[in-house]
Amino acid sequence: MKVGFIGLGAMGSAMASNLIKAGHEVTVWNRSPGPTEPLASLGAKVVKTADRAAQGEVLFSMLANDQAVRSVFVDGRLLDGMDQGTVHVNHATISVALAREMAQEHAQRGLDYLAAPVFGRPDVAAAGKLNILVAGKPHVVERVRSLLEVMGSRIWPLGEAPERANVVKIAGNFMIGAAIESMAEASALTRAHGVSAADFLDVMTNSLFATPAYQGYARLIAEARYTPAGFALPLGYKDIGLALAAADATRVPLPLAGVLRDSLLEALSTGDEDVDWAIMAQVAARRAHLDERKL
């Protein structure tokens, strides 16, 4: 199938590479050209403008945030140049408000739109084992299902309203953040009593919390390994902000989200943004007056 892919960060590049390897004709565009080079070596067609990537049957996008999505598709008028009947699959984690707006903008132009945010880090994306949340018209989902299955191990349909997929993604990331914060604080507690984070988290993630999210982030915390970032600190801060905005819109109290926001903001205040959001463990250690480097 002839498809386009816009947004080639660590996640987007891995996802696009799997589409190429599966034999699809993939055209790629990225704001900065560097990430396009490895994909070109795999057989992707590299274009200099976003509109040229949007000339296939399906356009995938994996952009960083609301601002980037709006800049390319609405302010950049990319939607105005797309052919009616084209499917846009938006993998970005965006606000519920923008998800609704994007659905309206596409419908007004006769374009099919699916929200399809994903769970999984770049290594999972490279292995084609993402969990892909998808919301939109069922016949449109079926039209692109084979493409999604190239990138994910499971597709999770969540109804016709695209924002349903986005709110599930936001809520899921809120739960991951809560898991990191709980491990960070509990590890600080055990360390203050002479039990290392590694020993404590080994017990927890092989007994009470033997799940991938806990196990993966526990390894990062135990090893104090926050680079390279699988999920960058600014993105974590952004997503907790999205959770709070969605909660505010529907008057749903999220007191724990406020704690997470403050921990992430404290981590950001050090000025180092190119780290994984598991860096919250250092925040907890610092608050407890423990050596941040010895977990």
C-alpha atoms as a PDB file:
ATOM      1  CA  MET A   1       0.000   0.000   0.000  1.00  0.00           C
ATOM      2  CA  LYS A   2       1.138   3.570  -0.662  1.00  0.00           C
ATOM      3  CA  VAL A   3       1.399   5.388   2.663  1.00  0.00           C
ATOM      4  CA  GLY A   4       2.967   8.495   4.148  1.00  0.00           C
ATOM      5  CA  PHE A   5       4.564   8.983   7.554  1.00  0.00           C
ATOM      6  CA  ILE A   6       5.106  12.343   9.261  1.00  0.00           C
ATOM      7  CA  GLY A   7       7.094  12.725  12.481  1.00  0.00           C
ATOM      8  CA  LEU A   8      10.233  10.620  12.766  1.00  0.00           C
ATOM      9  CA  GLY A   9      11.327  10.737  16.364  1.00  0.00           C
ATOM     10  CA  ALA A  10      12.434   7.511  18.019  1.00  0.00           C
ATOM     11  CA  MET A  11       8.906   6.106  17.953  1.00  0.00           C
ATOM     12  CA  GLY A  12       7.902   7.309  14.499  1.00  0.00           C
ATOM     13  CA  SER A  13      11.125   6.096  12.903  1.00  0.00           C
ATOM     14  CA  ALA A  14      10.702   2.620  14.374  1.00  0.00           C
ATOM     15  CA  MET A  15       7.079   2.418  13.266  1.00  0.00           C
ATOM     16  CA  ALA A  16       7.817   3.648   9.742  1.00  0.00           C
ATOM     17  CA  SER A  17      10.693   1.193   9.378  1.00  0.00           C
ATOM     18  CA  ASN A  18       8.338  -1.710  10.080  1.00  0.00           C
ATOM     19  CA  LEU A  19       5.960  -0.519   7.382  1.00  0.00           C
ATOM     20  CA  ILE A  20       8.848  -0.393   4.913  1.00  0.00           C
ATOM     21  CA  LYS A  21      10.076  -3.852   5.891  1.00  0.00           C
ATOM     22  CA  ALA A  22       6.560  -5.201   5.375  1.00  0.00           C
ATOM     23  CA  GLY A  23       6.754  -4.151   1.742  1.00  0.00           C
ATOM     24  CA  HIS A  24       4.678  -0.969   1.747  1.00  0.00           C
ATOM     25  CA  GLU A  25       5.598   2.063  -0.356  1.00  0.00           C
ATOM     26  CA  VAL A  26       6.383   4.599   2.356  1.00  0.00           C
ATOM     27  CA  THR A  27       6.985   8.326   1.854  1.00  0.00           C
ATOM     28  CA  VAL A  28       8.420  10.146   4.871  1.00  0.00           C
ATOM     29  CA  TRP A  29       8.768  13.723   6.029  1.00  0.00           C
ATOM     30  CA  ASN A  30      10.292  15.184   9.163  1.00  0.00           C
ATOM     31  CA  ARG A  31      10.873  18.781  10.170  1.00  0.00           C
ATOM     32  CA  SER A  32      14.602  18.070  10.587  1.00  0.00           C
ATOM     33  CA  PRO A  33      16.088  15.842   7.853  1.00  0.00           C
ATOM     34  CA  GLY A  34      18.468  13.740   9.960  1.00  0.00           C
ATOM     35  CA  PRO A  35      16.014  10.966  10.949  1.00  0.00           C
ATOM     36  CA  THR A  36      15.005  10.403   7.329  1.00  0.00           C
ATOM     37  CA  GLU A  37      18.408   9.042   6.293  1.00  0.00           C
ATOM     38  CA  PRO A  38      18.164   5.565   7.914  1.00  0.00           C
ATOM     39  CA  LEU A  39      14.669   5.156   6.478  1.00  0.00           C
ATOM     40  CA  ALA A  40      15.871   6.156   3.021  1.00  0.00           C
ATOM     41  CA  SER A  41      18.459   3.380   3.229  1.00  0.00           C
ATOM     42  CA  LEU A  42      15.603   0.938   3.879  1.00  0.00           C
ATOM     43  CA  GLY A  43      13.750   2.138   0.789  1.00  0.00           C
ATOM     44  CA  ALA A  44      11.588   5.038   1.970  1.00  0.00           C
ATOM     45  CA  LYS A  45      10.989   7.991  -0.326  1.00  0.00           C
ATOM     46  CA  VAL A  46      12.071  11.186   1.438  1.00  0.00           C
ATOM     47  CA  VAL A  47      10.234  14.418   0.611  1.00  0.00           C
ATOM     48  CA  LYS A  48      10.973  18.000   1.582  1.00  0.00           C
ATOM     49  CA  THR A  49       7.427  19.134   2.403  1.00  0.00           C
ATOM     50  CA  ALA A  50       4.696  17.540   4.494  1.00  0.00           C
ATOM     51  CA  ASP A  51       2.070  17.784   1.766  1.00  0.00           C
ATOM     52  CA  ARG A  52       4.068  15.450  -0.475  1.00  0.00           C
ATOM     53  CA  ALA A  53       3.980  12.774   2.216  1.00  0.00           C
ATOM     54  CA  ALA A  54       0.190  13.045   2.298  1.00  0.00           C
ATOM     55  CA  GLN A  55      -0.441  11.839  -1.247  1.00  0.00           C
ATOM     56  CA  GLY A  56      -0.947   8.149  -0.518  1.00  0.00           C
ATOM     57  CA  GLU A  57      -3.994   6.201   0.623  1.00  0.00           C
ATOM     58  CA  VAL A  58      -3.102   6.491   4.291  1.00  0.00           C
ATOM     59  CA  LEU A  59      -1.109   9.102   6.202  1.00  0.00           C
ATOM     60  CA  PHE A  60       0.406   8.227   9.577  1.00  0.00           C
ATOM     61  CA  SER A  61       1.693  10.891  11.933  1.00  0.00           C
ATOM     62  CA  MET A  62       3.610  10.680  15.195  1.00  0.00           C
ATOM     63  CA  LEU A  63       4.212  14.228  16.371  1.00  0.00           C
ATOM     64  CA  ALA A  64       5.262  15.345  19.837  1.00  0.00           C
ATOM     65  CA  ASN A  65       2.368  17.400  21.170  1.00  0.00           C
ATOM     66  CA  ASP A  66      -0.700  19.534  20.481  1.00  0.00           C
ATOM     67  CA  GLN A  67       1.372  22.415  19.179  1.00  0.00           C
ATOM     68  CA  ALA A  68       3.199  20.257  16.626  1.00  0.00           C
ATOM     69  CA  VAL A  69      -0.004  18.592  15.417  1.00  0.00           C
ATOM     70  CA  ARG A  70      -1.816  21.894  15.058  1.00  0.00           C
ATOM     71  CA  SER A  71       1.167  23.528  13.366  1.00  0.00           C
ATOM     72  CA  VAL A  72       1.416  20.873  10.651  1.00  0.00           C
ATOM     73  CA  PHE A  73      -2.200  19.933  10.017  1.00  0.00           C
ATOM     74  CA  VAL A  74      -4.283  23.013  10.793  1.00  0.00           C
ATOM     75  CA  ASP A  75      -2.075  26.120  10.751  1.00  0.00           C
ATOM     76  CA  GLY A  76       0.114  24.580   8.050  1.00  0.00           C
ATOM     77  CA  ARG A  77      -3.050  23.818   6.047  1.00  0.00           C
ATOM     78  CA  LEU A  78      -1.960  20.260   5.281  1.00  0.00           C
ATOM     79  CA  LEU A  79      -5.556  19.064   5.651  1.00  0.00           C
ATOM     80  CA  ASP A  80      -6.647  21.450   2.892  1.00  0.00           C
ATOM     81  CA  GLY A  81      -4.377  19.749   0.390  1.00  0.00           C
ATOM     82  CA  MET A  82      -5.282  16.139   1.147  1.00  0.00           C
ATOM     83  CA  ASP A  83      -7.535  14.176  -1.206  1.00  0.00           C
ATOM     84  CA  GLN A  84     -11.009  13.264   0.034  1.00  0.00           C
ATOM     85  CA  GLY A  85     -11.100   9.675   1.218  1.00  0.00           C
ATOM     86  CA  THR A  86      -7.549   9.737   2.523  1.00  0.00           C
ATOM     87  CA  VAL A  87      -7.204   8.183   5.976  1.00  0.00           C
ATOM     88  CA  HIS A  88      -5.165  10.069   8.544  1.00  0.00           C
ATOM     89  CA  VAL A  89      -4.010   7.905  11.457  1.00  0.00           C
ATOM     90  CA  ASN A  90      -2.790  10.145  14.258  1.00  0.00           C
ATOM     91  CA  HIS A  91      -0.552   8.314  16.739  1.00  0.00           C
ATOM     92  CA  ALA A  92       0.287  11.406  18.811  1.00  0.00           C
ATOM     93  CA  THR A  93      -0.676  11.719  22.452  1.00  0.00           C
ATOM     94  CA  ILE A  94      -2.748  14.881  22.286  1.00  0.00           C
ATOM     95  CA  SER A  95      -5.361  16.588  24.432  1.00  0.00           C
ATOM     96  CA  VAL A  96      -8.970  15.481  24.418  1.00  0.00           C
ATOM     97  CA  ALA A  97      -9.942  18.953  23.206  1.00  0.00           C
ATOM     98  CA  LEU A  98      -7.625  18.820  20.200  1.00  0.00           C
ATOM     99  CA  ALA A  99      -8.718  15.261  19.421  1.00  0.00           C
ATOM    100  CA  ARG A 100     -12.304  16.496  19.066  1.00  0.00           C
ATOM    101  CA  GLU A 101     -11.195  19.462  16.992  1.00  0.00           C
ATOM    102  CA  MET A 102      -9.121  17.259  14.672  1.00  0.00           C
ATOM    103  CA  ALA A 103     -12.082  14.954  14.087  1.00  0.00           C
ATOM    104  CA  GLN A 104     -14.215  17.962  13.102  1.00  0.00           C
ATOM    105  CA  GLU A 105     -11.531  19.445  10.857  1.00  0.00           C
ATOM    106  CA  HIS A 106     -11.178  16.155   8.970  1.00  0.00           C
ATOM    107  CA  ALA A 107     -14.923  15.591   8.642  1.00  0.00           C
ATOM    108  CA  GLN A 108     -15.420  19.072   7.168  1.00  0.00           C
ATOM    109  CA  ARG A 109     -12.961  18.167   4.405  1.00  0.00           C
ATOM    110  CA  GLY A 110     -14.224  14.659   3.678  1.00  0.00           C
ATOM    111  CA  LEU A 111     -11.173  13.034   5.236  1.00  0.00           C
ATOM    112  CA  ASP A 112     -11.242   9.915   7.396  1.00  0.00           C
ATOM    113  CA  TYR A 113      -9.572  10.289  10.784  1.00  0.00           C
ATOM    114  CA  LEU A 114      -8.460   7.771  13.368  1.00  0.00           C
ATOM    115  CA  ALA A 115      -6.843   8.449  16.723  1.00  0.00           C
ATOM    116  CA  ALA A 116      -4.346   5.672  17.388  1.00  0.00           C
ATOM    117  CA  PRO A 117      -1.988   6.474  20.279  1.00  0.00           C
ATOM    118  CA  VAL A 118       0.270   3.655  21.382  1.00  0.00           C
ATOM    119  CA  PHE A 119       1.685   2.061  24.507  1.00  0.00           C
ATOM    120  CA  GLY A 120       5.305   0.998  24.239  1.00  0.00           C
ATOM    121  CA  ARG A 121       8.811   2.422  24.244  1.00  0.00           C
ATOM    122  CA  PRO A 122      11.054   2.718  21.149  1.00  0.00           C
ATOM    123  CA  ASP A 123      12.450  -0.819  21.522  1.00  0.00           C
ATOM    124  CA  VAL A 124       8.900  -2.179  21.577  1.00  0.00           C
ATOM    125  CA  ALA A 125       8.047  -0.102  18.514  1.00  0.00           C
ATOM    126  CA  ALA A 126      11.099  -1.442  16.685  1.00  0.00           C
ATOM    127  CA  ALA A 127       9.980  -4.995  17.447  1.00  0.00           C
ATOM    128  CA  GLY A 128       6.494  -4.264  16.084  1.00  0.00           C
ATOM    129  CA  LYS A 129       4.907  -5.117  19.428  1.00  0.00           C
ATOM    130  CA  LEU A 130       3.103  -1.912  20.350  1.00  0.00           C
ATOM    131  CA  ASN A 131      -0.328  -1.904  21.917  1.00  0.00           C
ATOM    132  CA  ILE A 132      -2.288   0.394  19.621  1.00  0.00           C
ATOM    133  CA  LEU A 133      -5.421   2.122  20.879  1.00  0.00           C
ATOM    134  CA  VAL A 134      -7.715   3.104  18.036  1.00  0.00           C
ATOM    135  CA  ALA A 135     -10.948   5.067  17.808  1.00  0.00           C
ATOM    136  CA  GLY A 136     -12.882   6.117  14.745  1.00  0.00           C
ATOM    137  CA  LYS A 137     -15.379   4.708  12.272  1.00  0.00           C
ATOM    138  CA  PRO A 138     -15.218   0.878  12.312  1.00  0.00           C
ATOM    139  CA  HIS A 139     -14.942   0.537   8.519  1.00  0.00           C
ATOM    140  CA  VAL A 140     -11.992   2.949   8.526  1.00  0.00           C
ATOM    141  CA  VAL A 141     -10.306   0.945  11.272  1.00  0.00           C
ATOM    142  CA  GLU A 142     -10.728  -2.181   9.167  1.00  0.00           C
ATOM    143  CA  ARG A 143      -9.287  -0.419   6.145  1.00  0.00           C
ATOM    144  CA  VAL A 144      -5.983   0.195   7.943  1.00  0.00           C
ATOM    145  CA  ARG A 145      -5.966  -2.776  10.308  1.00  0.00           C
ATOM    146  CA  SER A 146      -3.346  -4.705   8.325  1.00  0.00           C
ATOM    147  CA  LEU A 147      -1.025  -1.691   8.511  1.00  0.00           C
ATOM    148  CA  LEU A 148      -1.545  -1.297  12.256  1.00  0.00           C
ATOM    149  CA  GLU A 149      -0.847  -4.992  12.764  1.00  0.00           C
ATOM    150  CA  VAL A 150       2.584  -4.514  11.193  1.00  0.00           C
ATOM    151  CA  MET A 151       3.419  -2.064  13.980  1.00  0.00           C
ATOM    152  CA  GLY A 152       1.591  -3.605  16.936  1.00  0.00           C
ATOM    153  CA  SER A 153       0.997  -6.896  18.658  1.00  0.00           C
ATOM    154  CA  ARG A 154      -2.560  -5.933  19.570  1.00  0.00           C
ATOM    155  CA  ILE A 155      -5.110  -3.415  18.349  1.00  0.00           C
ATOM    156  CA  TRP A 156      -7.593  -2.099  20.934  1.00  0.00           C
ATOM    157  CA  PRO A 157     -10.767  -0.603  19.329  1.00  0.00           C
ATOM    158  CA  LEU A 158     -12.362   2.000  21.609  1.00  0.00           C
ATOM    159  CA  GLY A 159     -15.395   3.254  19.722  1.00  0.00           C
ATOM    160  CA  GLU A 160     -16.125   5.847  17.055  1.00  0.00           C
ATOM    161  CA  ALA A 161     -15.264   9.092  18.855  1.00  0.00           C
ATOM    162  CA  PRO A 162     -11.498   9.609  18.340  1.00  0.00           C
ATOM    163  CA  GLU A 163     -11.012  11.316  21.690  1.00  0.00           C
ATOM    164  CA  ARG A 164     -11.847   8.030  23.430  1.00  0.00           C
ATOM    165  CA  ALA A 165      -8.492   6.605  22.361  1.00  0.00           C
ATOM    166  CA  ASN A 166      -6.709   9.748  23.490  1.00  0.00           C
ATOM    167  CA  VAL A 167      -8.258   9.810  26.955  1.00  0.00           C
ATOM    168  CA  VAL A 168      -7.370   6.131  27.470  1.00  0.00           C
ATOM    169  CA  LYS A 169      -3.782   6.884  26.459  1.00  0.00           C
ATOM    170  CA  ILE A 170      -3.636   9.885  28.791  1.00  0.00           C
ATOM    171  CA  ALA A 171      -5.114   7.892  31.681  1.00  0.00           C
ATOM    172  CA  GLY A 172      -2.698   5.035  31.018  1.00  0.00           C
ATOM    173  CA  ASN A 173       0.308   7.347  31.082  1.00  0.00           C
ATOM    174  CA  PHE A 174      -1.011   8.838  34.315  1.00  0.00           C
ATOM    175  CA  MET A 175      -0.979   5.312  35.794  1.00  0.00           C
ATOM    176  CA  ILE A 176       2.584   4.710  34.575  1.00  0.00           C
ATOM    177  CA  GLY A 177       3.676   7.991  36.135  1.00  0.00           C
ATOM    178  CA  ALA A 178       2.001   6.997  39.387  1.00  0.00           C
ATOM    179  CA  ALA A 179       3.882   3.681  39.307  1.00  0.00           C
ATOM    180  CA  ILE A 180       7.201   5.488  38.846  1.00  0.00           C
ATOM    181  CA  GLU A 181       6.440   7.950  41.643  1.00  0.00           C
ATOM    182  CA  SER A 182       5.432   5.157  44.028  1.00  0.00           C
ATOM    183  CA  MET A 183       8.622   3.203  43.285  1.00  0.00           C
ATOM    184  CA  ALA A 184      10.687   6.371  43.648  1.00  0.00           C
ATOM    185  CA  GLU A 185       9.241   7.234  47.055  1.00  0.00           C
ATOM    186  CA  ALA A 186       9.218   3.654  48.358  1.00  0.00           C
ATOM    187  CA  SER A 187      12.832   3.179  47.257  1.00  0.00           C
ATOM    188  CA  ALA A 188      13.837   6.322  49.127  1.00  0.00           C
ATOM    189  CA  LEU A 189      12.144   4.885  52.218  1.00  0.00           C
ATOM    190  CA  THR A 190      13.959   1.538  52.026  1.00  0.00           C
ATOM    191  CA  ARG A 191      17.292   3.210  51.299  1.00  0.00           C
ATOM    192  CA  ALA A 192      16.931   5.362  54.406  1.00  0.00           C
ATOM    193  CA  HIS A 193      16.773   2.082  56.346  1.00  0.00           C
ATOM    194  CA  GLY A 194      19.734   0.455  54.612  1.00  0.00           C
ATOM    195  CA  VAL A 195      17.990  -1.540  51.852  1.00  0.00           C
ATOM    196  CA  SER A 196      19.127  -0.636  48.343  1.00  0.00           C
ATOM    197  CA  ALA A 197      16.669   0.335  45.646  1.00  0.00           C
ATOM    198  CA  ALA A 198      17.896  -2.614  43.573  1.00  0.00           C
ATOM    199  CA  ASP A 199      17.136  -5.154  46.311  1.00  0.00           C
ATOM    200  CA  PHE A 200      13.786  -3.618  47.186  1.00  0.00           C
ATOM    201  CA  LEU A 201      12.590  -3.314  43.598  1.00  0.00           C
ATOM    202  CA  ASP A 202      13.777  -6.825  42.772  1.00  0.00           C
ATOM    203  CA  VAL A 203      11.429  -8.149  45.454  1.00  0.00           C
ATOM    204  CA  MET A 204       8.510  -5.974  44.399  1.00  0.00           C
ATOM    205  CA  THR A 205       8.716  -6.558  40.646  1.00  0.00           C
ATOM    206  CA  ASN A 206       9.042 -10.310  41.026  1.00  0.00           C
ATOM    207  CA  SER A 207       6.187 -10.664  43.512  1.00  0.00           C
ATOM    208  CA  LEU A 208       3.462  -8.070  44.046  1.00  0.00           C
ATOM    209  CA  PHE A 209       4.143  -5.985  40.927  1.00  0.00           C
ATOM    210  CA  ALA A 210       5.402  -8.471  38.347  1.00  0.00           C
ATOM    211  CA  THR A 211       4.221  -6.479  35.333  1.00  0.00           C
ATOM    212  CA  PRO A 212       6.139  -4.960  32.388  1.00  0.00           C
ATOM    213  CA  ALA A 213       5.651  -1.300  33.343  1.00  0.00           C
ATOM    214  CA  TYR A 214       6.874  -1.796  36.902  1.00  0.00           C
ATOM    215  CA  GLN A 215       9.711  -4.109  35.873  1.00  0.00           C
ATOM    216  CA  GLY A 216      10.980  -1.853  33.098  1.00  0.00           C
ATOM    217  CA  TYR A 217      11.016   1.329  35.133  1.00  0.00           C
ATOM    218  CA  ALA A 218      12.342  -0.476  38.222  1.00  0.00           C
ATOM    219  CA  ARG A 219      15.433  -1.454  36.229  1.00  0.00           C
ATOM    220  CA  LEU A 220      16.030   2.152  35.250  1.00  0.00           C
ATOM    221  CA  ILE A 221      15.626   3.320  38.840  1.00  0.00           C
ATOM    222  CA  ALA A 222      17.803   0.557  40.325  1.00  0.00           C
ATOM    223  CA  GLU A 223      20.571   1.292  37.823  1.00  0.00           C
ATOM    224  CA  ALA A 224      20.076   5.085  37.923  1.00  0.00           C
ATOM    225  CA  ARG A 225      19.993   4.838  34.118  1.00  0.00           C
ATOM    226  CA  TYR A 226      18.014   7.734  32.735  1.00  0.00           C
ATOM    227  CA  THR A 227      19.686   8.136  29.345  1.00  0.00           C
ATOM    228  CA  PRO A 228      18.983   7.513  26.600  1.00  0.00           C
ATOM    229  CA  ALA A 229      15.405   8.453  27.350  1.00  0.00           C
ATOM    230  CA  GLY A 230      12.818   5.877  26.366  1.00  0.00           C
ATOM    231  CA  PHE A 231      10.158   8.392  27.351  1.00  0.00           C
ATOM    232  CA  ALA A 232      11.586  11.858  27.780  1.00  0.00           C
ATOM    233  CA  LEU A 233      10.912  13.906  30.892  1.00  0.00           C
ATOM    234  CA  PRO A 234       9.212  16.820  29.039  1.00  0.00           C
ATOM    235  CA  LEU A 235       6.798  14.371  27.406  1.00  0.00           C
ATOM    236  CA  GLY A 236       5.889  12.923  30.784  1.00  0.00           C
ATOM    237  CA  TYR A 237       5.261  16.399  32.145  1.00  0.00           C
ATOM    238  CA  LYS A 238       3.153  17.199  29.092  1.00  0.00           C
ATOM    239  CA  ASP A 239       1.035  14.062  29.478  1.00  0.00           C
ATOM    240  CA  ILE A 240       0.302  14.640  33.153  1.00  0.00           C
ATOM    241  CA  GLY A 241      -0.771  18.135  32.149  1.00  0.00           C
ATOM    242  CA  LEU A 242      -3.119  16.581  29.588  1.00  0.00           C
ATOM    243  CA  ALA A 243      -4.598  14.380  32.308  1.00  0.00           C
ATOM    244  CA  LEU A 244      -5.200  17.369  34.552  1.00  0.00           C
ATOM    245  CA  ALA A 245      -6.776  19.333  31.673  1.00  0.00           C
ATOM    246  CA  ALA A 246      -9.089  16.437  30.801  1.00  0.00           C
ATOM    247  CA  ALA A 247     -10.019  16.085  34.464  1.00  0.00           C
ATOM    248  CA  ASP A 248     -10.687  19.790  34.828  1.00  0.00           C
ATOM    249  CA  ALA A 249     -13.014  19.739  31.817  1.00  0.00           C
ATOM    250  CA  THR A 250     -15.193  17.080  33.409  1.00  0.00           C
ATOM    251  CA  ARG A 251     -14.670  18.035  37.081  1.00  0.00           C
ATOM    252  CA  VAL A 252     -12.905  14.784  37.937  1.00  0.00           C
ATOM    253  CA  PRO A 253     -10.545  15.224  40.907  1.00  0.00           C
ATOM    254  CA  LEU A 254      -7.056  13.798  40.257  1.00  0.00           C
ATOM    255  CA  PRO A 255      -5.082  14.653  43.399  1.00  0.00           C
ATOM    256  CA  LEU A 256      -2.279  12.220  42.586  1.00  0.00           C
ATOM    257  CA  ALA A 257      -1.779  13.870  39.192  1.00  0.00           C
ATOM    258  CA  GLY A 258      -0.943  17.076  41.020  1.00  0.00           C
ATOM    259  CA  VAL A 259       1.796  15.274  42.954  1.00  0.00           C
ATOM    260  CA  LEU A 260       3.197  13.874  39.718  1.00  0.00           C
ATOM    261  CA  ARG A 261       3.155  17.274  38.050  1.00  0.00           C
ATOM    262  CA  ASP A 262       5.156  18.749  40.920  1.00  0.00           C
ATOM    263  CA  SER A 263       7.712  15.915  40.896  1.00  0.00           C
ATOM    264  CA  LEU A 264       8.176  16.223  37.150  1.00  0.00           C
ATOM    265  CA  LEU A 265       8.431  19.996  37.368  1.00  0.00           C
ATOM    266  CA  GLU A 266      11.064  19.678  40.098  1.00  0.00           C
ATOM    267  CA  ALA A 267      13.028  17.322  37.864  1.00  0.00           C
ATOM    268  CA  LEU A 268      12.745  19.750  34.967  1.00  0.00           C
ATOM    269  CA  SER A 269      14.004  22.590  37.160  1.00  0.00           C
ATOM    270  CA  THR A 270      17.508  21.071  37.064  1.00  0.00           C
ATOM    271  CA  GLY A 271      17.647  22.003  33.385  1.00  0.00           C
ATOM    272  CA  ASP A 272      18.333  18.501  32.066  1.00  0.00           C
ATOM    273  CA  GLU A 273      15.469  17.572  29.760  1.00  0.00           C
ATOM    274  CA  ASP A 274      17.064  14.780  27.719  1.00  0.00           C
ATOM    275  CA  VAL A 275      16.421  12.147  30.387  1.00  0.00           C
ATOM    276  CA  ASP A 276      13.756   9.521  31.027  1.00  0.00           C
ATOM    277  CA  TRP A 277      10.900  10.484  33.301  1.00  0.00           C
ATOM    278  CA  ALA A 278      12.067   7.745  35.672  1.00  0.00           C
ATOM    279  CA  ILE A 279      14.384  10.537  36.860  1.00  0.00           C
ATOM    280  CA  MET A 280      11.629  11.159  39.430  1.00  0.00           C
ATOM    281  CA  ALA A 281      13.572   8.645  41.556  1.00  0.00           C
ATOM    282  CA  GLN A 282      16.329  11.232  41.931  1.00  0.00           C
ATOM    283  CA  VAL A 283      13.770  13.809  43.006  1.00  0.00           C
ATOM    284  CA  ALA A 284      12.528  11.481  45.757  1.00  0.00           C
ATOM    285  CA  ALA A 285      16.101  10.746  46.855  1.00  0.00           C
ATOM    286  CA  ARG A 286      16.951  14.449  46.974  1.00  0.00           C
ATOM    287  CA  ARG A 287      13.893  15.220  49.083  1.00  0.00           C
ATOM    288  CA  ALA A 288      15.011  12.543  51.545  1.00  0.00           C
ATOM    289  CA  HIS A 289      18.583  13.934  51.615  1.00  0.00           C
ATOM    290  CA  LEU A 290      19.966  10.718  50.100  1.00  0.00           C
ATOM    291  CA  ASP A 291      22.757  10.443  47.547  1.00  0.00           C
ATOM    292  CA  GLU A 292      20.954  10.715  44.221  1.00  0.00           C
ATOM    293  CA  ARG A 293      23.642   8.703  42.442  1.00  0.00           C
ATOM    294  CA  LYS A 294      23.610   5.675  44.728  1.00  0.00           C
ATOM    295  CA  LEU A 295      20.282   3.938  44.523  1.00  0.00           C
END
